[in-house]
Amino acid sequence: MELPPARPPDVGWLPQIGVRVFTWWPTKMIGTTFGMAAFFVVYFWLLWHPLYPVAIMPLTAIDRWIGFRPEALPLYLSLWFYVSLAPALLIDRRELVSYGLAAVGLSLIGLGIFFFWPTAVPAREVDWSQHPAFSFLKSVDTTGNACPSLHVAFAVFTAVWFERLGREMGVGRLVRALNWLWCAGILSSTIAIRQDVSLDVL
């Protein structure tokens, strides 16, 4: 099958989205679904079965400065939609392979650190019973596997890919800036909802 050009002449970036999404869509859908599932199997096993003593991450002035913001939860959860968009826009087989290998490499590095050096964020002064929207998150994804924050790592990884794809598709600077704002919002939300501390983000 002949692939469409990365940036058809005289075609704006919005019309390109449909072409890109439907190119290789079964492969991209299955790969993204399988990749996320495999990641979470290992992630949660390490979370609930640490083989070494769990180190508590220290707080910094940044953590004390950023107050608890429950309204940041949707932004935090938006990561899983955000990360699925980048591979959906890929149309080149080599880019798909490159993206997949990079995502696997990033996962292995983070999970390897969690294996040898399990960490957790310290208990904070939040009465979680007053915030029922957090009950599922806090019961499933506890404050372990903290450093490095893979939530942050994959947000930055995705932002870099979006910037690359945006330039390739001829997306304007304003829209590309919104990508980085979304990424920054996800980063700050991890601290604002007390899932990570600033050193995890760094």
C-alpha atoms as a PDB file:
ATOM      1  CA  MET A   1       0.000   0.000   0.000  1.00  0.00           C
ATOM      2  CA  GLU A   2       1.376   3.384  -0.975  1.00  0.00           C
ATOM      3  CA  LEU A   3       1.471   5.761   1.972  1.00  0.00           C
ATOM      4  CA  PRO A   4       0.243   9.338   1.601  1.00  0.00           C
ATOM      5  CA  PRO A   5       2.914  12.020   1.750  1.00  0.00           C
ATOM      6  CA  ALA A   6       3.709  13.373   5.205  1.00  0.00           C
ATOM      7  CA  ARG A   7       2.492  16.814   4.198  1.00  0.00           C
ATOM      8  CA  PRO A   8       0.403  16.937   1.021  1.00  0.00           C
ATOM      9  CA  PRO A   9       0.994  20.135  -0.946  1.00  0.00           C
ATOM     10  CA  ASP A  10      -1.502  22.926  -0.353  1.00  0.00           C
ATOM     11  CA  VAL A  11      -3.369  20.922   2.278  1.00  0.00           C
ATOM     12  CA  GLY A  12      -3.821  22.384   5.741  1.00  0.00           C
ATOM     13  CA  TRP A  13      -3.055  20.424   8.870  1.00  0.00           C
ATOM     14  CA  LEU A  14      -6.695  19.821   9.824  1.00  0.00           C
ATOM     15  CA  PRO A  15      -7.523  17.780   6.667  1.00  0.00           C
ATOM     16  CA  GLN A  16      -4.358  15.773   7.233  1.00  0.00           C
ATOM     17  CA  ILE A  17      -5.597  14.508  10.608  1.00  0.00           C
ATOM     18  CA  GLY A  18      -8.233  12.189   9.165  1.00  0.00           C
ATOM     19  CA  VAL A  19      -5.799  10.688   6.667  1.00  0.00           C
ATOM     20  CA  ARG A  20      -3.210  10.126   9.359  1.00  0.00           C
ATOM     21  CA  VAL A  21      -5.605   8.619  11.896  1.00  0.00           C
ATOM     22  CA  PHE A  22      -6.963   6.063   9.423  1.00  0.00           C
ATOM     23  CA  THR A  23      -3.557   5.084   8.042  1.00  0.00           C
ATOM     24  CA  TRP A  24      -2.417   1.852   9.735  1.00  0.00           C
ATOM     25  CA  TRP A  25      -5.207   2.347  12.271  1.00  0.00           C
ATOM     26  CA  PRO A  26      -5.594  -1.357  13.277  1.00  0.00           C
ATOM     27  CA  THR A  27      -1.855  -1.629  13.902  1.00  0.00           C
ATOM     28  CA  LYS A  28      -1.762   1.590  15.888  1.00  0.00           C
ATOM     29  CA  MET A  29      -4.856   0.732  17.928  1.00  0.00           C
ATOM     30  CA  ILE A  30      -3.661  -2.771  18.802  1.00  0.00           C
ATOM     31  CA  GLY A  31      -0.114  -1.613  19.499  1.00  0.00           C
ATOM     32  CA  THR A  32      -1.207   1.232  21.780  1.00  0.00           C
ATOM     33  CA  THR A  33      -3.701  -0.958  23.655  1.00  0.00           C
ATOM     34  CA  PHE A  34      -1.271  -3.853  24.091  1.00  0.00           C
ATOM     35  CA  GLY A  35       1.577  -1.519  25.073  1.00  0.00           C
ATOM     36  CA  MET A  36      -0.434   0.215  27.776  1.00  0.00           C
ATOM     37  CA  ALA A  37      -1.788  -3.079  29.118  1.00  0.00           C
ATOM     38  CA  ALA A  38       1.664  -4.681  29.316  1.00  0.00           C
ATOM     39  CA  PHE A  39       3.077  -1.569  30.974  1.00  0.00           C
ATOM     40  CA  PHE A  40       0.401  -1.531  33.683  1.00  0.00           C
ATOM     41  CA  VAL A  41       0.794  -5.240  34.440  1.00  0.00           C
ATOM     42  CA  VAL A  42       4.469  -4.707  35.300  1.00  0.00           C
ATOM     43  CA  TYR A  43       3.880  -1.289  36.888  1.00  0.00           C
ATOM     44  CA  PHE A  44       1.273  -2.531  39.357  1.00  0.00           C
ATOM     45  CA  TRP A  45       3.204  -5.708  40.155  1.00  0.00           C
ATOM     46  CA  LEU A  46       6.202  -3.595  41.155  1.00  0.00           C
ATOM     47  CA  LEU A  47       3.928  -1.205  43.040  1.00  0.00           C
ATOM     48  CA  TRP A  48       2.412  -3.931  45.202  1.00  0.00           C
ATOM     49  CA  HIS A  49       5.465  -6.205  45.467  1.00  0.00           C
ATOM     50  CA  PRO A  50       8.569  -4.067  46.112  1.00  0.00           C
ATOM     51  CA  LEU A  51      11.660  -6.240  46.546  1.00  0.00           C
ATOM     52  CA  TYR A  52      13.654  -3.581  48.398  1.00  0.00           C
ATOM     53  CA  PRO A  53      12.841  -1.077  51.166  1.00  0.00           C
ATOM     54  CA  VAL A  54      10.702   1.793  49.889  1.00  0.00           C
ATOM     55  CA  ALA A  55      12.416   5.196  50.103  1.00  0.00           C
ATOM     56  CA  ILE A  56      10.257   8.224  50.896  1.00  0.00           C
ATOM     57  CA  MET A  57      10.893  11.167  48.601  1.00  0.00           C
ATOM     58  CA  PRO A  58      11.676  14.463  50.359  1.00  0.00           C
ATOM     59  CA  LEU A  59       9.579  17.577  49.944  1.00  0.00           C
ATOM     60  CA  THR A  60      11.010  20.807  48.597  1.00  0.00           C
ATOM     61  CA  ALA A  61       9.868  24.427  48.708  1.00  0.00           C
ATOM     62  CA  ILE A  62       8.093  23.886  45.383  1.00  0.00           C
ATOM     63  CA  ASP A  63       5.921  21.162  46.905  1.00  0.00           C
ATOM     64  CA  ARG A  64       4.946  23.458  49.773  1.00  0.00           C
ATOM     65  CA  TRP A  65       4.273  26.319  47.371  1.00  0.00           C
ATOM     66  CA  ILE A  66       1.930  24.311  45.116  1.00  0.00           C
ATOM     67  CA  GLY A  67      -1.219  23.752  47.134  1.00  0.00           C
ATOM     68  CA  PHE A  68      -3.540  20.785  46.853  1.00  0.00           C
ATOM     69  CA  ARG A  69      -5.792  21.383  43.829  1.00  0.00           C
ATOM     70  CA  PRO A  70      -8.482  18.688  43.415  1.00  0.00           C
ATOM     71  CA  GLU A  71      -9.674  20.418  40.248  1.00  0.00           C
ATOM     72  CA  ALA A  72      -6.396  19.325  38.617  1.00  0.00           C
ATOM     73  CA  LEU A  73      -7.531  15.668  38.583  1.00  0.00           C
ATOM     74  CA  PRO A  74      -9.060  15.782  35.057  1.00  0.00           C
ATOM     75  CA  LEU A  75      -5.834  17.294  33.743  1.00  0.00           C
ATOM     76  CA  TYR A  76      -3.853  14.514  35.430  1.00  0.00           C
ATOM     77  CA  LEU A  77      -6.117  11.831  33.944  1.00  0.00           C
ATOM     78  CA  SER A  78      -5.982  13.438  30.500  1.00  0.00           C
ATOM     79  CA  LEU A  79      -2.494  11.958  30.049  1.00  0.00           C
ATOM     80  CA  TRP A  80      -3.940   8.662  28.806  1.00  0.00           C
ATOM     81  CA  PHE A  81      -5.861  10.444  26.060  1.00  0.00           C
ATOM     82  CA  TYR A  82      -2.885  12.693  25.337  1.00  0.00           C
ATOM     83  CA  VAL A  83      -0.374   9.860  24.865  1.00  0.00           C
ATOM     84  CA  SER A  84      -2.691   7.929  22.562  1.00  0.00           C
ATOM     85  CA  LEU A  85      -2.981  10.843  20.122  1.00  0.00           C
ATOM     86  CA  ALA A  86       0.656  10.961  19.015  1.00  0.00           C
ATOM     87  CA  PRO A  87       0.893   7.391  17.647  1.00  0.00           C
ATOM     88  CA  ALA A  88      -2.536   7.827  16.048  1.00  0.00           C
ATOM     89  CA  LEU A  89      -1.065  10.566  13.834  1.00  0.00           C
ATOM     90  CA  LEU A  90       1.915   8.559  12.609  1.00  0.00           C
ATOM     91  CA  ILE A  91       1.778   7.387   8.980  1.00  0.00           C
ATOM     92  CA  ASP A  92       5.315   6.217   8.280  1.00  0.00           C
ATOM     93  CA  ARG A  93       6.231   2.639   9.182  1.00  0.00           C
ATOM     94  CA  ARG A  94       9.713   3.656  10.302  1.00  0.00           C
ATOM     95  CA  GLU A  95       8.236   6.329  12.567  1.00  0.00           C
ATOM     96  CA  LEU A  96       5.859   3.790  14.074  1.00  0.00           C
ATOM     97  CA  VAL A  97       8.751   1.450  14.838  1.00  0.00           C
ATOM     98  CA  SER A  98      10.857   4.317  16.176  1.00  0.00           C
ATOM     99  CA  TYR A  99       8.013   5.513  18.394  1.00  0.00           C
ATOM    100  CA  GLY A 100       7.321   2.015  19.699  1.00  0.00           C
ATOM    101  CA  LEU A 101      10.966   1.300  20.517  1.00  0.00           C
ATOM    102  CA  ALA A 102      11.362   4.653  22.249  1.00  0.00           C
ATOM    103  CA  ALA A 103       8.211   4.085  24.335  1.00  0.00           C
ATOM    104  CA  VAL A 104       9.392   0.603  25.325  1.00  0.00           C
ATOM    105  CA  GLY A 105      12.846   1.957  26.194  1.00  0.00           C
ATOM    106  CA  LEU A 106      11.366   4.727  28.332  1.00  0.00           C
ATOM    107  CA  SER A 107       9.169   2.201  30.132  1.00  0.00           C
ATOM    108  CA  LEU A 108      12.031  -0.218  30.776  1.00  0.00           C
ATOM    109  CA  ILE A 109      14.238   2.509  32.219  1.00  0.00           C
ATOM    110  CA  GLY A 110      11.516   3.743  34.560  1.00  0.00           C
ATOM    111  CA  LEU A 111      10.357   0.281  35.623  1.00  0.00           C
ATOM    112  CA  GLY A 112      13.965  -0.802  36.113  1.00  0.00           C
ATOM    113  CA  ILE A 113      14.490   2.075  38.532  1.00  0.00           C
ATOM    114  CA  PHE A 114      11.271   1.139  40.367  1.00  0.00           C
ATOM    115  CA  PHE A 115      12.554  -2.439  40.657  1.00  0.00           C
ATOM    116  CA  PHE A 116      15.926  -1.581  42.184  1.00  0.00           C
ATOM    117  CA  TRP A 117      14.911   1.618  44.001  1.00  0.00           C
ATOM    118  CA  PRO A 118      11.229   1.671  44.993  1.00  0.00           C
ATOM    119  CA  THR A 119      10.072   5.083  46.162  1.00  0.00           C
ATOM    120  CA  ALA A 120       6.917   6.724  47.485  1.00  0.00           C
ATOM    121  CA  VAL A 121       5.728  10.233  48.226  1.00  0.00           C
ATOM    122  CA  PRO A 122       5.266  11.193  51.888  1.00  0.00           C
ATOM    123  CA  ALA A 123       1.847  11.250  53.505  1.00  0.00           C
ATOM    124  CA  ARG A 124       0.274  14.668  53.120  1.00  0.00           C
ATOM    125  CA  GLU A 125      -2.241  16.711  55.082  1.00  0.00           C
ATOM    126  CA  VAL A 126      -5.206  15.883  52.836  1.00  0.00           C
ATOM    127  CA  ASP A 127      -8.444  14.319  54.109  1.00  0.00           C
ATOM    128  CA  TRP A 128      -9.144  12.078  51.126  1.00  0.00           C
ATOM    129  CA  SER A 129     -12.599  11.207  52.475  1.00  0.00           C
ATOM    130  CA  GLN A 130     -13.606  14.751  51.517  1.00  0.00           C
ATOM    131  CA  HIS A 131     -12.634  14.078  47.902  1.00  0.00           C
ATOM    132  CA  PRO A 132     -14.500  10.976  46.705  1.00  0.00           C
ATOM    133  CA  ALA A 133     -13.364  11.496  43.107  1.00  0.00           C
ATOM    134  CA  PHE A 134      -9.888  10.457  44.232  1.00  0.00           C
ATOM    135  CA  SER A 135     -10.956   7.230  45.935  1.00  0.00           C
ATOM    136  CA  PHE A 136     -10.333   4.961  42.929  1.00  0.00           C
ATOM    137  CA  LEU A 137      -7.032   6.622  42.009  1.00  0.00           C
ATOM    138  CA  LYS A 138      -5.693   6.431  45.554  1.00  0.00           C
ATOM    139  CA  SER A 139      -6.831   2.838  46.052  1.00  0.00           C
ATOM    140  CA  VAL A 140      -5.320   1.565  42.784  1.00  0.00           C
ATOM    141  CA  ASP A 141      -2.381   3.846  42.027  1.00  0.00           C
ATOM    142  CA  THR A 142      -1.015   4.528  45.473  1.00  0.00           C
ATOM    143  CA  THR A 143       1.829   6.935  46.162  1.00  0.00           C
ATOM    144  CA  GLY A 144       4.476   4.350  45.221  1.00  0.00           C
ATOM    145  CA  ASN A 145       6.574   4.117  42.044  1.00  0.00           C
ATOM    146  CA  ALA A 146       7.165   7.801  42.569  1.00  0.00           C
ATOM    147  CA  CYS A 147      10.611   8.641  41.225  1.00  0.00           C
ATOM    148  CA  PRO A 148      10.991   9.143  38.353  1.00  0.00           C
ATOM    149  CA  SER A 149       7.420  10.111  37.536  1.00  0.00           C
ATOM    150  CA  LEU A 150       6.541   8.122  34.431  1.00  0.00           C
ATOM    151  CA  HIS A 151       3.371  10.208  34.217  1.00  0.00           C
ATOM    152  CA  VAL A 152       5.653  13.169  33.611  1.00  0.00           C
ATOM    153  CA  ALA A 153       8.083  11.226  31.419  1.00  0.00           C
ATOM    154  CA  PHE A 154       5.371  10.136  29.004  1.00  0.00           C
ATOM    155  CA  ALA A 155       3.816  13.600  28.948  1.00  0.00           C
ATOM    156  CA  VAL A 156       7.149  15.126  27.880  1.00  0.00           C
ATOM    157  CA  PHE A 157       7.793  12.254  25.462  1.00  0.00           C
ATOM    158  CA  THR A 158       4.404  12.917  23.849  1.00  0.00           C
ATOM    159  CA  ALA A 159       4.913  16.678  23.737  1.00  0.00           C
ATOM    160  CA  VAL A 160       8.188  16.204  21.857  1.00  0.00           C
ATOM    161  CA  TRP A 161       6.483  13.924  19.322  1.00  0.00           C
ATOM    162  CA  PHE A 162       3.606  16.365  18.909  1.00  0.00           C
ATOM    163  CA  GLU A 163       6.061  19.182  18.251  1.00  0.00           C
ATOM    164  CA  ARG A 164       7.774  17.072  15.611  1.00  0.00           C
ATOM    165  CA  LEU A 165       4.484  16.068  13.993  1.00  0.00           C
ATOM    166  CA  GLY A 166       3.149  19.615  14.202  1.00  0.00           C
ATOM    167  CA  ARG A 167       6.101  20.972  12.251  1.00  0.00           C
ATOM    168  CA  GLU A 168       5.790  18.135   9.750  1.00  0.00           C
ATOM    169  CA  MET A 169       2.086  18.885   9.196  1.00  0.00           C
ATOM    170  CA  GLY A 170       2.539  22.644   9.022  1.00  0.00           C
ATOM    171  CA  VAL A 171       0.739  23.408  12.283  1.00  0.00           C
ATOM    172  CA  GLY A 172       1.108  27.022  13.405  1.00  0.00           C
ATOM    173  CA  ARG A 173       3.082  28.125  16.434  1.00  0.00           C
ATOM    174  CA  LEU A 174       0.000  28.979  18.498  1.00  0.00           C
ATOM    175  CA  VAL A 175      -1.443  25.487  18.237  1.00  0.00           C
ATOM    176  CA  ARG A 176       1.968  23.945  18.900  1.00  0.00           C
ATOM    177  CA  ALA A 177       2.258  26.152  21.980  1.00  0.00           C
ATOM    178  CA  LEU A 178      -1.041  24.692  23.246  1.00  0.00           C
ATOM    179  CA  ASN A 179       0.598  21.273  23.090  1.00  0.00           C
ATOM    180  CA  TRP A 180       3.339  22.430  25.447  1.00  0.00           C
ATOM    181  CA  LEU A 181       0.776  24.093  27.737  1.00  0.00           C
ATOM    182  CA  TRP A 182      -1.127  20.809  27.948  1.00  0.00           C
ATOM    183  CA  CYS A 183       2.104  19.010  28.801  1.00  0.00           C
ATOM    184  CA  ALA A 184       2.996  21.608  31.454  1.00  0.00           C
ATOM    185  CA  GLY A 185      -0.488  21.280  32.924  1.00  0.00           C
ATOM    186  CA  ILE A 186      -0.091  17.519  33.271  1.00  0.00           C
ATOM    187  CA  LEU A 187       3.307  17.998  34.925  1.00  0.00           C
ATOM    188  CA  SER A 188       1.984  20.473  37.490  1.00  0.00           C
ATOM    189  CA  SER A 189      -1.127  18.371  38.124  1.00  0.00           C
ATOM    190  CA  THR A 190       0.974  15.467  39.414  1.00  0.00           C
ATOM    191  CA  ILE A 191       2.145  17.693  42.265  1.00  0.00           C
ATOM    192  CA  ALA A 192      -1.178  19.475  42.705  1.00  0.00           C
ATOM    193  CA  ILE A 193      -3.067  16.229  43.385  1.00  0.00           C
ATOM    194  CA  ARG A 194      -0.229  14.848  45.540  1.00  0.00           C
ATOM    195  CA  GLN A 195       0.701  11.930  43.309  1.00  0.00           C
ATOM    196  CA  ASP A 196       4.270  13.154  42.926  1.00  0.00           C
ATOM    197  CA  VAL A 197       6.706  15.592  44.474  1.00  0.00           C
ATOM    198  CA  SER A 198       8.863  18.050  42.564  1.00  0.00           C
ATOM    199  CA  LEU A 199      11.941  15.796  42.585  1.00  0.00           C
ATOM    200  CA  ASP A 200       9.897  13.042  40.881  1.00  0.00           C
ATOM    201  CA  VAL A 201       8.860  15.536  38.197  1.00  0.00           C
ATOM    202  CA  LEU A 202      12.435  16.766  37.756  1.00  0.00           C
END
